[in-house]
Amino acid sequence: MNMTKYWCGVVSREHIKRGEQGGFCQVCHGKRAPLARMAVGDGIVFYSPVLQFQGKDKCQSFTAIGKVVGADTYQFEMAPDFVPYRRDIEYQRCQEAPIHPMLDQLAFTRGRSSWGYSFRMGHFQLAEADFMLIARAMLPDGCANLFAQ
């Protein structure tokens, strides 16, 4: 029985690229609870609605993919008044994948005129089939390396 869960984090492209470089993720403006729901070995993909945080230039692509490797959430001081929670992620080299070609295939967007509504949560669980569809678009070998032991 596969106990792996699959997640989507919603982060600007600018911010997720910083996370990739540092091997961590932050979601929902640094809240702990969404990160605590994940477990080591879970898959995570990041959707970037915009290029920059609080920017207007659209990205609308999946921009990073990996798996959870850190067993715990932890805080990191980014500024004296901003100490968000993070979780360690092992990112895979990937190509970005625009969401528009997938809208009719993903369970959480199929048939919905307001397809972006799901992303308003900032972090949500994906069906395995949705994660694998996105992974095939992002990774040259699908998930072969992502979940290799």
N, C-alpha and C. Protein backbone atom coordinates (compact mmCIF):
# COMPACT_ATOMS: atom_id res chain seq x y z
N MET A 1 0.84 -1.18 0.00
CA MET A 1 0.00 0.00 0.00
C MET A 1 0.88 1.24 0.00
N ASN A 2 0.68 2.13 -0.97
CA ASN A 2 1.47 3.34 -1.10
C ASN A 2 0.98 4.40 -0.12
N MET A 3 1.82 4.81 0.80
CA MET A 3 1.46 5.82 1.79
C MET A 3 1.94 7.21 1.38
N THR A 4 2.63 7.31 0.27
CA THR A 4 3.11 8.60 -0.20
C THR A 4 1.94 9.51 -0.52
N LYS A 5 2.04 10.75 -0.09
CA LYS A 5 1.04 11.76 -0.44
C LYS A 5 1.71 12.74 -1.39
N TYR A 6 0.87 13.49 -2.07
CA TYR A 6 1.37 14.44 -3.08
C TYR A 6 0.75 15.80 -2.81
N TRP A 7 1.56 16.83 -2.95
CA TRP A 7 1.16 18.17 -2.55
C TRP A 7 1.46 19.19 -3.64
N CYS A 8 0.75 20.29 -3.57
CA CYS A 8 1.03 21.44 -4.43
C CYS A 8 1.20 22.65 -3.52
N GLY A 9 2.33 23.34 -3.68
CA GLY A 9 2.57 24.60 -3.00
C GLY A 9 2.43 25.72 -4.02
N VAL A 10 1.88 26.84 -3.59
CA VAL A 10 1.67 27.98 -4.48
C VAL A 10 2.62 29.08 -4.04
N VAL A 11 3.58 29.37 -4.90
CA VAL A 11 4.67 30.29 -4.55
C VAL A 11 5.07 31.04 -5.81
N SER A 12 5.40 32.32 -5.68
CA SER A 12 5.88 33.05 -6.86
C SER A 12 7.12 32.36 -7.40
N ARG A 13 7.35 32.52 -8.68
CA ARG A 13 8.52 31.89 -9.31
C ARG A 13 9.81 32.39 -8.65
N GLU A 14 9.87 33.67 -8.38
CA GLU A 14 11.05 34.25 -7.73
C GLU A 14 11.34 33.56 -6.40
N HIS A 15 10.32 33.35 -5.60
CA HIS A 15 10.53 32.75 -4.28
C HIS A 15 10.86 31.27 -4.36
N ILE A 16 10.23 30.52 -5.25
CA ILE A 16 10.53 29.09 -5.30
C ILE A 16 11.93 28.85 -5.82
N LYS A 17 12.44 29.73 -6.66
CA LYS A 17 13.81 29.57 -7.15
C LYS A 17 14.80 29.78 -6.00
N ARG A 18 14.48 30.66 -5.07
CA ARG A 18 15.31 30.80 -3.86
C ARG A 18 15.24 29.53 -3.02
N GLY A 19 14.05 28.97 -2.90
CA GLY A 19 13.88 27.73 -2.16
C GLY A 19 14.65 26.59 -2.78
N GLU A 20 14.62 26.48 -4.10
CA GLU A 20 15.38 25.44 -4.79
C GLU A 20 16.87 25.57 -4.47
N GLN A 21 17.38 26.77 -4.54
CA GLN A 21 18.81 26.99 -4.27
C GLN A 21 19.17 26.61 -2.84
N GLY A 22 18.25 26.84 -1.91
CA GLY A 22 18.52 26.55 -0.51
C GLY A 22 18.06 25.18 -0.04
N GLY A 23 17.32 24.45 -0.88
CA GLY A 23 16.84 23.12 -0.49
C GLY A 23 15.70 23.14 0.52
N PHE A 24 14.86 24.18 0.46
CA PHE A 24 13.75 24.29 1.42
C PHE A 24 12.52 24.83 0.70
N CYS A 25 11.39 24.79 1.39
CA CYS A 25 10.20 25.47 0.90
C CYS A 25 9.52 26.18 2.06
N GLN A 26 8.78 27.21 1.71
CA GLN A 26 7.89 27.94 2.60
C GLN A 26 6.59 28.11 1.84
N VAL A 27 5.48 27.97 2.52
CA VAL A 27 4.18 28.18 1.88
C VAL A 27 3.29 28.98 2.81
N CYS A 28 2.23 29.55 2.25
CA CYS A 28 1.20 30.24 3.04
C CYS A 28 1.80 31.31 3.96
N HIS A 29 2.70 32.09 3.42
CA HIS A 29 3.34 33.19 4.17
C HIS A 29 4.04 32.71 5.44
N GLY A 30 4.63 31.52 5.35
CA GLY A 30 5.45 31.02 6.45
C GLY A 30 4.72 30.26 7.54
N LYS A 31 3.47 29.89 7.31
CA LYS A 31 2.73 29.15 8.34
C LYS A 31 3.29 27.74 8.50
N ARG A 32 3.20 27.22 9.72
CA ARG A 32 3.72 25.89 10.05
C ARG A 32 2.78 24.77 9.63
N ALA A 33 1.48 24.93 9.86
CA ALA A 33 0.51 23.84 9.70
C ALA A 33 0.56 23.16 8.34
N PRO A 34 0.59 23.88 7.22
CA PRO A 34 0.62 23.16 5.94
C PRO A 34 1.86 22.29 5.79
N LEU A 35 2.99 22.78 6.25
CA LEU A 35 4.23 22.01 6.15
C LEU A 35 4.22 20.80 7.06
N ALA A 36 3.57 20.92 8.21
CA ALA A 36 3.51 19.82 9.18
C ALA A 36 2.65 18.66 8.67
N ARG A 37 1.75 18.91 7.72
CA ARG A 37 0.91 17.84 7.17
C ARG A 37 1.70 16.91 6.25
N MET A 38 2.85 17.37 5.78
CA MET A 38 3.64 16.56 4.86
C MET A 38 4.53 15.60 5.65
N ALA A 39 4.95 14.52 4.98
CA ALA A 39 5.82 13.53 5.59
C ALA A 39 7.03 13.29 4.70
N VAL A 40 8.10 12.82 5.31
CA VAL A 40 9.30 12.48 4.54
C VAL A 40 8.92 11.50 3.43
N GLY A 41 9.37 11.79 2.22
CA GLY A 41 9.07 10.94 1.08
C GLY A 41 7.89 11.41 0.24
N ASP A 42 7.09 12.33 0.77
CA ASP A 42 5.97 12.86 -0.01
C ASP A 42 6.50 13.66 -1.19
N GLY A 43 5.74 13.67 -2.27
CA GLY A 43 6.08 14.47 -3.44
C GLY A 43 5.45 15.84 -3.35
N ILE A 44 6.13 16.84 -3.88
CA ILE A 44 5.58 18.19 -3.90
C ILE A 44 5.95 18.88 -5.20
N VAL A 45 4.98 19.57 -5.75
CA VAL A 45 5.16 20.37 -6.95
C VAL A 45 4.75 21.81 -6.60
N PHE A 46 5.39 22.76 -7.23
CA PHE A 46 5.10 24.16 -6.94
C PHE A 46 4.53 24.85 -8.16
N TYR A 47 3.40 25.50 -7.95
CA TYR A 47 2.75 26.28 -8.98
C TYR A 47 3.03 27.76 -8.70
N SER A 48 3.42 28.47 -9.74
CA SER A 48 3.71 29.90 -9.61
C SER A 48 2.72 30.70 -10.45
N PRO A 49 1.77 31.34 -9.79
CA PRO A 49 0.81 32.15 -10.55
C PRO A 49 1.46 33.40 -11.15
N VAL A 50 2.47 33.93 -10.44
CA VAL A 50 3.15 35.15 -10.87
C VAL A 50 4.67 34.95 -10.83
N LEU A 51 5.36 35.84 -11.54
CA LEU A 51 6.82 35.78 -11.56
C LEU A 51 7.42 36.24 -10.23
N GLN A 52 6.90 37.35 -9.70
CA GLN A 52 7.44 37.90 -8.46
C GLN A 52 6.34 38.08 -7.42
N PHE A 53 6.71 37.90 -6.16
CA PHE A 53 5.78 38.09 -5.04
C PHE A 53 5.15 39.47 -5.14
N GLN A 54 3.85 39.54 -5.06
CA GLN A 54 3.05 40.76 -5.16
C GLN A 54 3.17 41.43 -6.52
N GLY A 55 3.70 40.70 -7.51
CA GLY A 55 3.82 41.25 -8.85
C GLY A 55 2.58 40.98 -9.67
N LYS A 56 2.51 41.62 -10.82
CA LYS A 56 1.35 41.47 -11.71
C LYS A 56 1.66 40.60 -12.93
N ASP A 57 2.95 40.37 -13.22
CA ASP A 57 3.32 39.58 -14.39
C ASP A 57 3.04 38.10 -14.14
N LYS A 58 2.16 37.53 -14.96
CA LYS A 58 1.74 36.14 -14.77
C LYS A 58 2.84 35.16 -15.16
N CYS A 59 2.87 34.05 -14.45
CA CYS A 59 3.73 32.91 -14.77
C CYS A 59 2.83 31.74 -15.17
N GLN A 60 1.88 31.38 -14.32
CA GLN A 60 0.90 30.31 -14.53
C GLN A 60 1.54 29.00 -14.99
N SER A 61 2.61 28.63 -14.29
CA SER A 61 3.33 27.39 -14.61
C SER A 61 3.72 26.66 -13.33
N PHE A 62 3.93 25.36 -13.48
CA PHE A 62 4.55 24.58 -12.41
C PHE A 62 6.05 24.81 -12.58
N THR A 63 6.69 25.26 -11.51
CA THR A 63 8.06 25.77 -11.62
C THR A 63 9.11 24.98 -10.85
N ALA A 64 8.70 24.07 -9.99
CA ALA A 64 9.66 23.25 -9.23
C ALA A 64 8.97 21.98 -8.77
N ILE A 65 9.78 20.93 -8.58
CA ILE A 65 9.23 19.64 -8.15
C ILE A 65 10.29 18.92 -7.31
N GLY A 66 9.84 18.20 -6.31
CA GLY A 66 10.78 17.46 -5.47
C GLY A 66 10.05 16.57 -4.50
N LYS A 67 10.80 16.16 -3.48
CA LYS A 67 10.19 15.35 -2.43
C LYS A 67 10.66 15.87 -1.08
N VAL A 68 9.84 15.63 -0.08
CA VAL A 68 10.12 16.07 1.28
C VAL A 68 11.23 15.18 1.85
N VAL A 69 12.28 15.80 2.37
CA VAL A 69 13.37 15.04 2.98
C VAL A 69 13.59 15.41 4.44
N GLY A 70 13.17 16.57 4.83
CA GLY A 70 13.34 16.98 6.22
C GLY A 70 12.21 16.48 7.08
N ALA A 71 12.54 15.85 8.20
CA ALA A 71 11.53 15.26 9.07
C ALA A 71 10.73 16.31 9.84
N ASP A 72 11.26 17.50 9.99
CA ASP A 72 10.61 18.51 10.83
C ASP A 72 10.47 19.84 10.11
N THR A 73 9.49 20.61 10.57
CA THR A 73 9.41 22.00 10.18
C THR A 73 10.36 22.76 11.11
N TYR A 74 10.85 23.89 10.64
CA TYR A 74 11.74 24.69 11.47
C TYR A 74 11.58 26.15 11.08
N GLN A 75 11.93 27.02 12.01
CA GLN A 75 11.82 28.45 11.73
C GLN A 75 13.15 29.01 11.26
N PHE A 76 13.06 30.03 10.42
CA PHE A 76 14.25 30.69 9.89
C PHE A 76 13.99 32.19 9.89
N GLU A 77 14.87 32.94 10.53
CA GLU A 77 14.68 34.38 10.61
C GLU A 77 15.10 35.05 9.30
N MET A 78 14.12 35.57 8.60
CA MET A 78 14.40 36.30 7.36
C MET A 78 14.52 37.80 7.64
N ALA A 79 13.85 38.24 8.70
CA ALA A 79 13.91 39.63 9.17
C ALA A 79 13.51 39.58 10.65
N PRO A 80 13.86 40.60 11.43
CA PRO A 80 13.50 40.56 12.85
C PRO A 80 12.02 40.33 13.11
N ASP A 81 11.16 40.78 12.20
CA ASP A 81 9.73 40.63 12.40
C ASP A 81 9.10 39.57 11.49
N PHE A 82 9.95 38.75 10.84
CA PHE A 82 9.44 37.69 9.97
C PHE A 82 10.30 36.45 10.12
N VAL A 83 9.73 35.46 10.84
CA VAL A 83 10.44 34.20 11.12
C VAL A 83 9.54 33.05 10.65
N PRO A 84 9.52 32.80 9.34
CA PRO A 84 8.63 31.79 8.78
C PRO A 84 9.11 30.37 9.04
N TYR A 85 8.19 29.43 8.87
CA TYR A 85 8.52 28.02 8.95
C TYR A 85 8.95 27.52 7.59
N ARG A 86 9.85 26.55 7.60
CA ARG A 86 10.37 25.94 6.38
C ARG A 86 10.35 24.43 6.52
N ARG A 87 10.50 23.77 5.38
CA ARG A 87 10.63 22.31 5.34
C ARG A 87 11.67 21.99 4.28
N ASP A 88 12.55 21.03 4.55
CA ASP A 88 13.60 20.68 3.59
C ASP A 88 13.03 19.82 2.47
N ILE A 89 13.42 20.18 1.24
CA ILE A 89 12.95 19.53 0.03
C ILE A 89 14.16 19.14 -0.82
N GLU A 90 14.11 17.95 -1.40
CA GLU A 90 15.12 17.53 -2.38
C GLU A 90 14.51 17.80 -3.75
N TYR A 91 14.98 18.87 -4.37
CA TYR A 91 14.43 19.28 -5.67
C TYR A 91 15.09 18.50 -6.80
N GLN A 92 14.34 18.35 -7.88
CA GLN A 92 14.83 17.70 -9.10
C GLN A 92 15.05 18.76 -10.18
N ARG A 93 16.07 18.56 -10.98
CA ARG A 93 16.23 19.44 -12.14
C ARG A 93 15.03 19.18 -13.05
N CYS A 94 14.42 20.25 -13.50
CA CYS A 94 13.19 20.09 -14.28
C CYS A 94 13.01 21.25 -15.24
N GLN A 95 12.05 21.06 -16.12
CA GLN A 95 11.63 22.17 -16.97
C GLN A 95 10.29 22.65 -16.44
N GLU A 96 10.06 23.95 -16.57
CA GLU A 96 8.79 24.49 -16.13
C GLU A 96 7.69 24.02 -17.07
N ALA A 97 6.49 23.85 -16.53
CA ALA A 97 5.37 23.34 -17.32
C ALA A 97 4.16 24.27 -17.17
N PRO A 98 3.77 24.94 -18.24
CA PRO A 98 2.57 25.79 -18.18
C PRO A 98 1.33 24.97 -17.82
N ILE A 99 0.45 25.55 -17.03
CA ILE A 99 -0.74 24.83 -16.60
C ILE A 99 -1.80 24.73 -17.70
N HIS A 100 -1.88 25.70 -18.59
CA HIS A 100 -2.99 25.74 -19.55
C HIS A 100 -3.18 24.44 -20.34
N PRO A 101 -2.11 23.79 -20.84
CA PRO A 101 -2.34 22.53 -21.57
C PRO A 101 -2.87 21.39 -20.69
N MET A 102 -2.80 21.54 -19.37
CA MET A 102 -3.23 20.48 -18.45
C MET A 102 -4.60 20.70 -17.84
N LEU A 103 -5.19 21.87 -18.05
CA LEU A 103 -6.42 22.22 -17.35
C LEU A 103 -7.54 21.20 -17.50
N ASP A 104 -7.69 20.61 -18.67
CA ASP A 104 -8.75 19.62 -18.89
C ASP A 104 -8.38 18.22 -18.42
N GLN A 105 -7.14 18.05 -17.96
CA GLN A 105 -6.68 16.73 -17.53
C GLN A 105 -6.55 16.61 -16.02
N LEU A 106 -6.29 17.69 -15.33
CA LEU A 106 -6.11 17.66 -13.88
C LEU A 106 -7.46 17.59 -13.18
N ALA A 107 -7.60 16.69 -12.23
CA ALA A 107 -8.87 16.51 -11.52
C ALA A 107 -9.33 17.78 -10.82
N PHE A 108 -8.41 18.57 -10.30
CA PHE A 108 -8.81 19.76 -9.55
C PHE A 108 -9.09 20.98 -10.42
N THR A 109 -8.88 20.89 -11.74
CA THR A 109 -9.20 22.02 -12.63
C THR A 109 -10.18 21.63 -13.75
N ARG A 110 -10.28 20.37 -14.04
CA ARG A 110 -11.10 19.88 -15.16
C ARG A 110 -12.55 20.36 -15.05
N GLY A 111 -13.03 20.99 -16.13
CA GLY A 111 -14.42 21.42 -16.19
C GLY A 111 -14.76 22.64 -15.35
N ARG A 112 -13.77 23.31 -14.85
CA ARG A 112 -14.02 24.47 -13.99
C ARG A 112 -13.60 25.76 -14.69
N SER A 113 -14.53 26.67 -14.84
CA SER A 113 -14.18 27.96 -15.45
C SER A 113 -13.29 28.77 -14.50
N SER A 114 -13.47 28.61 -13.21
CA SER A 114 -12.63 29.29 -12.21
C SER A 114 -11.55 28.33 -11.73
N TRP A 115 -10.72 27.86 -12.68
CA TRP A 115 -9.73 26.83 -12.37
C TRP A 115 -8.69 27.27 -11.35
N GLY A 116 -8.45 28.54 -11.20
CA GLY A 116 -7.43 29.02 -10.26
C GLY A 116 -7.86 29.00 -8.81
N TYR A 117 -9.13 28.71 -8.55
CA TYR A 117 -9.63 28.76 -7.18
C TYR A 117 -8.87 27.84 -6.22
N SER A 118 -8.53 26.64 -6.65
CA SER A 118 -7.81 25.69 -5.79
C SER A 118 -6.49 26.26 -5.28
N PHE A 119 -5.87 27.08 -6.08
CA PHE A 119 -4.56 27.62 -5.71
C PHE A 119 -4.63 28.68 -4.62
N ARG A 120 -5.82 29.20 -4.36
CA ARG A 120 -5.98 30.24 -3.33
C ARG A 120 -5.64 29.71 -1.94
N MET A 121 -5.69 28.38 -1.77
CA MET A 121 -5.36 27.79 -0.47
C MET A 121 -3.88 27.94 -0.14
N GLY A 122 -3.05 28.03 -1.16
CA GLY A 122 -1.61 28.19 -0.94
C GLY A 122 -0.85 26.88 -0.82
N HIS A 123 -1.55 25.82 -0.44
CA HIS A 123 -0.94 24.49 -0.27
C HIS A 123 -2.08 23.51 -0.14
N PHE A 124 -2.06 22.47 -0.98
CA PHE A 124 -3.15 21.50 -0.93
C PHE A 124 -2.66 20.15 -1.41
N GLN A 125 -3.39 19.11 -1.02
CA GLN A 125 -3.04 17.75 -1.42
C GLN A 125 -3.53 17.49 -2.83
N LEU A 126 -2.69 16.82 -3.61
CA LEU A 126 -3.02 16.44 -4.99
C LEU A 126 -3.32 14.95 -5.07
N ALA A 127 -4.15 14.58 -6.02
CA ALA A 127 -4.32 13.17 -6.34
C ALA A 127 -3.03 12.68 -6.98
N GLU A 128 -2.69 11.41 -6.75
CA GLU A 128 -1.47 10.86 -7.32
C GLU A 128 -1.45 11.02 -8.84
N ALA A 129 -2.57 10.79 -9.50
CA ALA A 129 -2.62 10.90 -10.96
C ALA A 129 -2.31 12.33 -11.42
N ASP A 130 -2.78 13.32 -10.69
CA ASP A 130 -2.47 14.72 -11.04
C ASP A 130 -0.98 15.00 -10.87
N PHE A 131 -0.42 14.53 -9.76
CA PHE A 131 1.01 14.74 -9.53
C PHE A 131 1.83 14.10 -10.65
N MET A 132 1.48 12.88 -11.02
CA MET A 132 2.24 12.17 -12.05
C MET A 132 2.11 12.85 -13.42
N LEU A 133 0.94 13.38 -13.72
CA LEU A 133 0.75 14.11 -14.97
C LEU A 133 1.67 15.34 -15.02
N ILE A 134 1.71 16.07 -13.93
CA ILE A 134 2.57 17.25 -13.85
C ILE A 134 4.04 16.83 -13.92
N ALA A 135 4.39 15.77 -13.21
CA ALA A 135 5.78 15.30 -13.20
C ALA A 135 6.24 14.89 -14.59
N ARG A 136 5.38 14.24 -15.35
CA ARG A 136 5.75 13.84 -16.72
C ARG A 136 6.03 15.07 -17.59
N ALA A 137 5.32 16.16 -17.35
CA ALA A 137 5.55 17.38 -18.11
C ALA A 137 6.84 18.09 -17.68
N MET A 138 7.25 17.88 -16.43
CA MET A 138 8.40 18.61 -15.89
C MET A 138 9.72 17.85 -15.95
N LEU A 139 9.64 16.53 -15.81
CA LEU A 139 10.84 15.71 -15.68
C LEU A 139 11.05 14.86 -16.93
N PRO A 140 12.25 14.83 -17.47
CA PRO A 140 12.49 14.05 -18.68
C PRO A 140 12.24 12.56 -18.52
N ASP A 141 12.40 12.04 -17.31
CA ASP A 141 12.20 10.60 -17.09
C ASP A 141 11.00 10.35 -16.16
N GLY A 142 10.05 11.26 -16.15
CA GLY A 142 8.91 11.13 -15.26
C GLY A 142 9.37 11.15 -13.82
N CYS A 143 8.89 10.22 -13.03
CA CYS A 143 9.24 10.19 -11.60
C CYS A 143 10.28 9.14 -11.26
N ALA A 144 10.96 8.58 -12.25
CA ALA A 144 11.92 7.50 -11.98
C ALA A 144 12.96 7.90 -10.94
N ASN A 145 13.52 9.08 -11.06
CA ASN A 145 14.54 9.53 -10.12
C ASN A 145 13.96 10.16 -8.87
N LEU A 146 12.79 10.71 -8.97
CA LEU A 146 12.19 11.43 -7.85
C LEU A 146 11.97 10.54 -6.64
N PHE A 147 11.50 9.32 -6.87
CA PHE A 147 11.19 8.44 -5.75
C PHE A 147 12.12 7.23 -5.66
N ALA A 148 13.25 7.30 -6.35
CA ALA A 148 14.26 6.23 -6.24
C ALA A 148 14.84 6.24 -4.83
N GLN A 149 15.04 5.08 -4.29
CA GLN A 149 15.59 4.99 -2.93
C GLN A 149 17.09 5.05 -2.92
